[in-house]
Amino acid sequence: MHTASEAFRKARPGPFVIGWKLDREERELLLARFPPAYARPIADHVTLRPRVHAGTVLPPAVRAVIVGRADDGQGLEALVVHVDGSTERPGGGTYHVTWSLEAGRKAVESNDVIAARGWQPVDPPVALQLVPARFR
């Protein structure tokens, strides 16, 4: 007998990401508060671990706060997030939400931009509702 999660893994093989999705209602309020700098708003999720299998356990609920903003001036904007008091993601990188992109840019570039250019504090920091999730 197959469980629903086994069927899901077989139907959708490949790498997944676990982390947290932004609450959809709050997302709209945040987009108004932090107008996207570039043409394509993303504002979707905060990654905990990339490249996991479909059965990986979701992370717990967390306290999250937007504490900063990074923008390379070349089409990538991200908001830096404290997750349970830290911006450092286990395994490397910075907790963030890719906020907006210009054509030709990819969300996966956000950590490189933050590492290379740093980020500016957001004053005051803004509480963020996150929902544990698995996604591609």
N, C-alpha and C. Protein backbone atom coordinates (compact mmCIF):
# COMPACT_ATOMS: atom_id res chain seq x y z
N MET A 1 0.84 -1.19 0.00
CA MET A 1 0.00 0.00 0.00
C MET A 1 0.88 1.24 0.00
N HIS A 2 0.55 2.19 -0.84
CA HIS A 2 1.31 3.44 -0.92
C HIS A 2 0.61 4.53 -0.14
N THR A 3 1.40 5.34 0.53
CA THR A 3 0.83 6.49 1.22
C THR A 3 0.76 7.65 0.24
N ALA A 4 0.05 8.68 0.62
CA ALA A 4 -0.07 9.86 -0.23
C ALA A 4 1.30 10.49 -0.47
N SER A 5 2.17 10.53 0.55
CA SER A 5 3.49 11.15 0.37
C SER A 5 4.35 10.32 -0.57
N GLU A 6 4.22 8.98 -0.56
CA GLU A 6 4.98 8.15 -1.51
C GLU A 6 4.50 8.41 -2.92
N ALA A 7 3.20 8.53 -3.12
CA ALA A 7 2.66 8.82 -4.44
C ALA A 7 3.14 10.19 -4.91
N PHE A 8 3.18 11.16 -4.01
CA PHE A 8 3.65 12.50 -4.36
C PHE A 8 5.10 12.46 -4.81
N ARG A 9 5.95 11.74 -4.07
CA ARG A 9 7.37 11.64 -4.43
C ARG A 9 7.55 11.02 -5.81
N LYS A 10 6.77 9.97 -6.10
CA LYS A 10 6.90 9.31 -7.40
C LYS A 10 6.38 10.20 -8.52
N ALA A 11 5.33 10.94 -8.25
CA ALA A 11 4.74 11.79 -9.28
C ALA A 11 5.58 13.03 -9.55
N ARG A 12 6.28 13.50 -8.54
CA ARG A 12 7.04 14.75 -8.69
C ARG A 12 8.46 14.56 -8.19
N PRO A 13 9.28 13.79 -8.91
CA PRO A 13 10.65 13.60 -8.45
C PRO A 13 11.45 14.89 -8.61
N GLY A 14 12.58 14.93 -7.95
CA GLY A 14 13.46 16.07 -8.14
C GLY A 14 13.63 16.88 -6.88
N PRO A 15 14.49 17.86 -6.95
CA PRO A 15 14.81 18.64 -5.76
C PRO A 15 13.68 19.59 -5.36
N PHE A 16 13.56 19.74 -4.07
CA PHE A 16 12.60 20.66 -3.50
C PHE A 16 13.36 21.62 -2.61
N VAL A 17 12.66 22.63 -2.15
CA VAL A 17 13.17 23.60 -1.19
C VAL A 17 12.21 23.54 0.00
N ILE A 18 12.75 23.64 1.21
CA ILE A 18 11.88 23.82 2.36
C ILE A 18 12.20 25.17 2.98
N GLY A 19 11.20 25.74 3.56
CA GLY A 19 11.32 27.05 4.19
C GLY A 19 9.95 27.53 4.58
N TRP A 20 9.69 28.78 4.26
CA TRP A 20 8.43 29.38 4.66
C TRP A 20 7.93 30.28 3.53
N LYS A 21 6.64 30.19 3.27
CA LYS A 21 5.98 31.08 2.31
C LYS A 21 5.45 32.29 3.05
N LEU A 22 5.42 33.43 2.37
CA LEU A 22 4.79 34.61 2.93
C LEU A 22 3.29 34.40 2.98
N ASP A 23 2.66 34.85 4.04
CA ASP A 23 1.22 34.87 4.13
C ASP A 23 0.70 35.73 2.97
N ARG A 24 -0.22 35.22 2.17
CA ARG A 24 -0.68 35.89 0.95
C ARG A 24 -1.33 37.25 1.21
N GLU A 25 -2.14 37.38 2.25
CA GLU A 25 -2.76 38.68 2.55
C GLU A 25 -1.71 39.69 3.00
N GLU A 26 -0.79 39.23 3.84
CA GLU A 26 0.26 40.12 4.33
C GLU A 26 1.19 40.53 3.19
N ARG A 27 1.41 39.63 2.24
CA ARG A 27 2.27 39.92 1.10
C ARG A 27 1.82 41.19 0.38
N GLU A 28 0.53 41.31 0.16
CA GLU A 28 0.00 42.49 -0.54
C GLU A 28 0.27 43.77 0.25
N LEU A 29 0.12 43.71 1.57
CA LEU A 29 0.41 44.87 2.41
C LEU A 29 1.90 45.22 2.36
N LEU A 30 2.74 44.19 2.37
CA LEU A 30 4.19 44.42 2.32
C LEU A 30 4.63 44.99 0.98
N LEU A 31 4.01 44.54 -0.10
CA LEU A 31 4.34 45.10 -1.42
C LEU A 31 3.99 46.59 -1.49
N ALA A 32 2.94 47.00 -0.79
CA ALA A 32 2.59 48.42 -0.73
C ALA A 32 3.58 49.18 0.15
N ARG A 33 4.02 48.54 1.22
CA ARG A 33 4.95 49.19 2.14
C ARG A 33 6.36 49.29 1.56
N PHE A 34 6.76 48.24 0.83
CA PHE A 34 8.08 48.20 0.19
C PHE A 34 7.86 48.06 -1.32
N PRO A 35 7.55 49.14 -2.02
CA PRO A 35 7.27 49.03 -3.45
C PRO A 35 8.47 48.40 -4.17
N PRO A 36 8.22 47.41 -5.01
CA PRO A 36 9.31 46.74 -5.73
C PRO A 36 10.10 47.72 -6.59
N ALA A 37 11.41 47.57 -6.54
CA ALA A 37 12.29 48.44 -7.33
C ALA A 37 12.33 48.03 -8.79
N TYR A 38 12.01 46.78 -9.08
CA TYR A 38 12.13 46.26 -10.44
C TYR A 38 10.81 45.72 -10.96
N ALA A 39 10.75 45.46 -12.24
CA ALA A 39 9.51 45.15 -12.96
C ALA A 39 8.78 43.90 -12.47
N ARG A 40 9.52 42.90 -12.00
CA ARG A 40 8.89 41.63 -11.64
C ARG A 40 8.94 41.41 -10.12
N PRO A 41 7.84 41.68 -9.40
CA PRO A 41 7.81 41.38 -7.97
C PRO A 41 7.81 39.87 -7.76
N ILE A 42 8.60 39.41 -6.78
CA ILE A 42 8.64 37.99 -6.43
C ILE A 42 7.95 37.83 -5.07
N ALA A 43 8.58 38.30 -4.00
CA ALA A 43 7.96 38.37 -2.66
C ALA A 43 7.20 37.10 -2.32
N ASP A 44 7.87 35.95 -2.36
CA ASP A 44 7.18 34.68 -2.24
C ASP A 44 7.56 33.87 -1.01
N HIS A 45 8.87 33.73 -0.70
CA HIS A 45 9.27 32.79 0.34
C HIS A 45 10.63 33.13 0.94
N VAL A 46 10.92 32.45 2.05
CA VAL A 46 12.24 32.46 2.69
C VAL A 46 12.72 31.02 2.67
N THR A 47 13.91 30.79 2.13
CA THR A 47 14.47 29.44 2.05
C THR A 47 15.17 29.06 3.35
N LEU A 48 14.91 27.83 3.81
CA LEU A 48 15.69 27.25 4.89
C LEU A 48 16.75 26.33 4.30
N ARG A 49 16.30 25.36 3.47
CA ARG A 49 17.22 24.41 2.86
C ARG A 49 16.82 24.14 1.41
N PRO A 50 17.73 24.37 0.47
CA PRO A 50 17.46 24.01 -0.92
C PRO A 50 17.84 22.55 -1.18
N ARG A 51 17.38 22.03 -2.30
CA ARG A 51 17.78 20.70 -2.78
C ARG A 51 17.53 19.59 -1.75
N VAL A 52 16.28 19.47 -1.32
CA VAL A 52 15.89 18.39 -0.43
C VAL A 52 14.90 17.49 -1.16
N HIS A 53 14.71 16.27 -0.68
CA HIS A 53 13.74 15.37 -1.32
C HIS A 53 12.33 15.69 -0.83
N ALA A 54 11.37 15.19 -1.54
CA ALA A 54 9.96 15.52 -1.29
C ALA A 54 9.49 15.17 0.11
N GLY A 55 10.09 14.16 0.74
CA GLY A 55 9.65 13.74 2.06
C GLY A 55 10.30 14.48 3.21
N THR A 56 11.15 15.45 2.94
CA THR A 56 11.83 16.18 4.01
C THR A 56 10.80 16.90 4.88
N VAL A 57 10.96 16.77 6.18
CA VAL A 57 10.04 17.36 7.14
C VAL A 57 10.07 18.89 7.03
N LEU A 58 8.90 19.49 7.08
CA LEU A 58 8.81 20.94 7.03
C LEU A 58 9.40 21.56 8.29
N PRO A 59 9.90 22.78 8.17
CA PRO A 59 10.43 23.45 9.35
C PRO A 59 9.29 23.87 10.28
N PRO A 60 9.63 24.16 11.53
CA PRO A 60 8.59 24.63 12.45
C PRO A 60 8.20 26.08 12.14
N ALA A 61 7.14 26.54 12.76
CA ALA A 61 6.78 27.95 12.70
C ALA A 61 7.91 28.75 13.36
N VAL A 62 8.13 29.96 12.90
CA VAL A 62 9.21 30.79 13.42
C VAL A 62 8.74 32.22 13.63
N ARG A 63 9.55 32.97 14.36
CA ARG A 63 9.36 34.41 14.46
C ARG A 63 10.25 35.04 13.41
N ALA A 64 9.67 35.85 12.55
CA ALA A 64 10.44 36.45 11.46
C ALA A 64 10.22 37.96 11.43
N VAL A 65 11.31 38.67 11.09
CA VAL A 65 11.28 40.13 11.04
C VAL A 65 12.12 40.58 9.85
N ILE A 66 11.57 41.45 9.03
CA ILE A 66 12.35 42.08 7.95
C ILE A 66 13.25 43.10 8.62
N VAL A 67 14.57 42.95 8.41
CA VAL A 67 15.53 43.84 9.06
C VAL A 67 16.38 44.64 8.07
N GLY A 68 16.32 44.29 6.79
CA GLY A 68 17.18 45.00 5.85
C GLY A 68 16.76 44.84 4.41
N ARG A 69 17.47 45.54 3.56
CA ARG A 69 17.20 45.53 2.13
C ARG A 69 18.53 45.53 1.39
N ALA A 70 18.59 44.72 0.33
CA ALA A 70 19.77 44.69 -0.54
C ALA A 70 19.30 44.95 -1.97
N ASP A 71 20.07 45.75 -2.70
CA ASP A 71 19.74 46.07 -4.09
C ASP A 71 21.06 46.28 -4.81
N ASP A 72 21.29 45.49 -5.86
CA ASP A 72 22.56 45.64 -6.58
C ASP A 72 22.51 46.74 -7.63
N GLY A 73 21.36 47.40 -7.79
CA GLY A 73 21.26 48.47 -8.77
C GLY A 73 21.25 47.96 -10.21
N GLN A 74 21.23 46.64 -10.36
CA GLN A 74 21.28 46.04 -11.69
C GLN A 74 20.17 45.02 -11.89
N GLY A 75 19.08 45.18 -11.13
CA GLY A 75 17.92 44.35 -11.37
C GLY A 75 17.60 43.31 -10.34
N LEU A 76 18.21 43.37 -9.14
CA LEU A 76 17.88 42.41 -8.10
C LEU A 76 17.73 43.12 -6.77
N GLU A 77 16.57 42.90 -6.14
CA GLU A 77 16.26 43.48 -4.84
C GLU A 77 15.81 42.36 -3.90
N ALA A 78 16.33 42.37 -2.67
CA ALA A 78 15.95 41.36 -1.68
C ALA A 78 15.76 42.04 -0.33
N LEU A 79 14.86 41.48 0.47
CA LEU A 79 14.68 41.92 1.85
C LEU A 79 15.32 40.89 2.76
N VAL A 80 16.15 41.35 3.67
CA VAL A 80 16.85 40.47 4.61
C VAL A 80 15.96 40.23 5.81
N VAL A 81 15.92 38.98 6.27
CA VAL A 81 14.99 38.57 7.32
C VAL A 81 15.73 37.92 8.48
N HIS A 82 15.38 38.33 9.70
CA HIS A 82 15.78 37.60 10.92
C HIS A 82 14.78 36.47 11.08
N VAL A 83 15.25 35.27 11.21
CA VAL A 83 14.41 34.12 11.53
C VAL A 83 14.84 33.64 12.90
N ASP A 84 13.94 33.72 13.85
CA ASP A 84 14.25 33.38 15.24
C ASP A 84 15.52 34.06 15.72
N GLY A 85 15.70 35.34 15.33
CA GLY A 85 16.79 36.15 15.85
C GLY A 85 18.08 36.14 15.09
N SER A 86 18.16 35.45 13.95
CA SER A 86 19.39 35.41 13.18
C SER A 86 19.11 35.59 11.69
N THR A 87 20.03 36.26 11.00
CA THR A 87 19.93 36.37 9.55
C THR A 87 20.72 35.25 8.86
N GLU A 88 21.51 34.50 9.63
CA GLU A 88 22.36 33.46 9.05
C GLU A 88 21.60 32.15 8.88
N ARG A 89 21.57 31.67 7.65
CA ARG A 89 20.88 30.43 7.35
C ARG A 89 21.82 29.25 7.61
N PRO A 90 21.35 28.19 8.28
CA PRO A 90 22.20 27.01 8.48
C PRO A 90 22.67 26.48 7.13
N GLY A 91 23.92 26.14 7.05
CA GLY A 91 24.44 25.66 5.77
C GLY A 91 24.95 26.78 4.88
N GLY A 92 24.84 28.03 5.34
CA GLY A 92 25.36 29.15 4.58
C GLY A 92 24.28 30.01 3.97
N GLY A 93 24.63 31.24 3.74
CA GLY A 93 23.70 32.18 3.15
C GLY A 93 22.97 33.00 4.20
N THR A 94 22.14 33.88 3.71
CA THR A 94 21.39 34.82 4.53
C THR A 94 19.91 34.60 4.31
N TYR A 95 19.14 34.58 5.39
CA TYR A 95 17.70 34.51 5.23
C TYR A 95 17.23 35.77 4.51
N HIS A 96 16.43 35.60 3.49
CA HIS A 96 15.95 36.75 2.73
C HIS A 96 14.70 36.37 1.94
N VAL A 97 14.03 37.39 1.45
CA VAL A 97 12.95 37.25 0.48
C VAL A 97 13.42 37.97 -0.77
N THR A 98 13.53 37.26 -1.89
CA THR A 98 13.81 37.96 -3.14
C THR A 98 12.59 38.81 -3.42
N TRP A 99 12.77 40.12 -3.46
CA TRP A 99 11.64 41.03 -3.53
C TRP A 99 11.23 41.35 -4.96
N SER A 100 12.20 41.72 -5.79
CA SER A 100 11.87 42.03 -7.18
C SER A 100 13.08 41.80 -8.07
N LEU A 101 12.76 41.52 -9.34
CA LEU A 101 13.80 41.23 -10.34
C LEU A 101 13.51 41.97 -11.63
N GLU A 102 14.56 42.25 -12.36
CA GLU A 102 14.46 42.75 -13.72
C GLU A 102 14.61 41.56 -14.65
N ALA A 103 14.17 41.70 -15.88
CA ALA A 103 14.30 40.61 -16.86
C ALA A 103 15.75 40.13 -16.92
N GLY A 104 15.92 38.83 -17.01
CA GLY A 104 17.25 38.24 -17.10
C GLY A 104 17.88 37.90 -15.76
N ARG A 105 17.28 38.35 -14.68
CA ARG A 105 17.81 38.04 -13.34
C ARG A 105 17.02 36.89 -12.74
N LYS A 106 17.67 36.16 -11.82
CA LYS A 106 17.05 35.00 -11.17
C LYS A 106 17.12 35.15 -9.66
N ALA A 107 16.08 34.64 -8.99
CA ALA A 107 16.00 34.74 -7.53
C ALA A 107 17.19 34.08 -6.85
N VAL A 108 17.71 33.03 -7.44
CA VAL A 108 18.83 32.30 -6.84
C VAL A 108 20.08 33.19 -6.68
N GLU A 109 20.12 34.31 -7.36
CA GLU A 109 21.25 35.23 -7.27
C GLU A 109 21.24 36.08 -6.00
N SER A 110 20.14 36.07 -5.27
CA SER A 110 20.00 36.97 -4.12
C SER A 110 21.09 36.78 -3.08
N ASN A 111 21.41 35.54 -2.72
CA ASN A 111 22.45 35.32 -1.70
C ASN A 111 23.80 35.87 -2.15
N ASP A 112 24.13 35.72 -3.44
CA ASP A 112 25.39 36.26 -3.95
C ASP A 112 25.42 37.78 -3.84
N VAL A 113 24.31 38.43 -4.17
CA VAL A 113 24.24 39.89 -4.08
C VAL A 113 24.40 40.33 -2.63
N ILE A 114 23.70 39.67 -1.71
CA ILE A 114 23.79 40.04 -0.29
C ILE A 114 25.22 39.82 0.21
N ALA A 115 25.85 38.71 -0.16
CA ALA A 115 27.22 38.44 0.28
C ALA A 115 28.21 39.46 -0.28
N ALA A 116 28.05 39.83 -1.53
CA ALA A 116 29.00 40.74 -2.18
C ALA A 116 28.80 42.20 -1.79
N ARG A 117 27.56 42.61 -1.61
CA ARG A 117 27.26 44.03 -1.43
C ARG A 117 26.74 44.39 -0.04
N GLY A 118 26.38 43.39 0.76
CA GLY A 118 25.80 43.66 2.06
C GLY A 118 24.37 44.14 1.94
N TRP A 119 23.85 44.71 3.03
CA TRP A 119 22.48 45.18 3.04
C TRP A 119 22.35 46.38 3.96
N GLN A 120 21.30 47.16 3.71
CA GLN A 120 21.02 48.35 4.52
C GLN A 120 19.88 48.03 5.48
N PRO A 121 19.99 48.47 6.73
CA PRO A 121 18.92 48.20 7.70
C PRO A 121 17.60 48.86 7.30
N VAL A 122 16.51 48.22 7.66
CA VAL A 122 15.17 48.78 7.53
C VAL A 122 14.79 49.29 8.91
N ASP A 123 14.39 50.55 9.00
CA ASP A 123 14.07 51.13 10.29
C ASP A 123 12.68 51.74 10.24
N PRO A 124 11.76 51.22 11.02
CA PRO A 124 11.91 50.14 11.98
C PRO A 124 11.79 48.77 11.30
N PRO A 125 12.33 47.72 11.93
CA PRO A 125 12.12 46.37 11.42
C PRO A 125 10.62 46.05 11.37
N VAL A 126 10.25 45.13 10.48
CA VAL A 126 8.84 44.82 10.25
C VAL A 126 8.58 43.33 10.47
N ALA A 127 7.65 43.02 11.38
CA ALA A 127 7.29 41.61 11.62
C ALA A 127 6.73 41.01 10.33
N LEU A 128 7.00 39.72 10.16
CA LEU A 128 6.64 39.02 8.92
C LEU A 128 6.00 37.69 9.28
N GLN A 129 4.82 37.41 8.74
CA GLN A 129 4.17 36.11 8.95
C GLN A 129 4.68 35.14 7.90
N LEU A 130 5.19 34.00 8.36
CA LEU A 130 5.68 32.97 7.45
C LEU A 130 4.97 31.65 7.73
N VAL A 131 4.70 30.90 6.69
CA VAL A 131 3.99 29.63 6.78
C VAL A 131 4.94 28.52 6.33
N PRO A 132 5.22 27.51 7.18
CA PRO A 132 6.11 26.42 6.77
C PRO A 132 5.63 25.80 5.45
N ALA A 133 6.60 25.54 4.53
CA ALA A 133 6.22 25.06 3.20
C ALA A 133 7.34 24.29 2.53
N ARG A 134 6.94 23.48 1.56
CA ARG A 134 7.85 22.78 0.65
C ARG A 134 7.48 23.25 -0.75
N PHE A 135 8.46 23.59 -1.55
CA PHE A 135 8.18 24.12 -2.88
C PHE A 135 9.35 23.87 -3.79
N ARG A 136 9.18 24.18 -5.06
CA ARG A 136 10.26 24.03 -6.06
C ARG A 136 10.84 25.37 -6.39
